[in-house]
Amino acid sequence: MPLPTTPQRSALGLIVLWQLMQEPMHVYRMQKLFEAEGKDRVVNVRSRASLYQTIERLLRHGLVEVSQTVHVEGYPDRVVYAITEAGRATARQWLREMLSTTEDEYPEFIAALSLLFGLEPGEAQAELQLRAERLAAALADTEAALASAPEELPRLFLLEEEYRKALLEAQLSWVRGVVDDLRQGRLTWSEQWLREMADAFLETNERHDTESS
């Protein structure tokens, strides 16, 4: 089966392409620049294997190319990658799509919430309390990052931290509310209640399907 003209967009792929727009570079330098620029707070670049896998995919689709191979005595050869014209066009296309679309965003947390009843209420409360503590720590870290930014740094380069702060505040408030409802017994369930709800729901759906057919 032939490869599509462009691969499925990815956040890491976009960051890699945008970094290569600045200059050709090898993966080690790319990873260090990501960390220095705080991109490791935006995408997972801690694993160099993930970077290599992403670049291999971009290579297969002609979005990047090998610029040169650097030989250093006593060290493995380092392959320097450069972006192609197709890569530049794709990076801008992905950027526009990621800014404007909301489709195909399926966070793990939402999937887990849809199956919260798979745990006992007390266990669910404990796990969500742990999430709340981690959200609070992440929020404090983000607030510290914003507070420590140089005053002369334009807001354009802080937008991702502003957005992260807004998301963390909203998530923390909501999770704490659910934890409190679980603690107070306003939100609860049991195996018998779940069976009753399943029977009632399935019966209602089956009746609706019969009437519609």
Foldseek 3Di string as FASTA:
>chain_A
DDDPLADDDDPLLLLVLVVLVVDWAFLVVSLVVCVVLVVCVVPPSVDSVVVVVSVVRCVVNQQKDFPDWDDDPPDDITTIIHGDPVNVVVSVVSVVCVVPDDPPDDDPVVVCVVVLVVDALVVSLVVLVVVLVVLVVVLVVLVVVVVPDDPPDDCVSCVVSVVSNVVSVVSNVVSVVVSVCSVVVVDGDDPVRVVVVVVVVVVVVVVVVVVVD
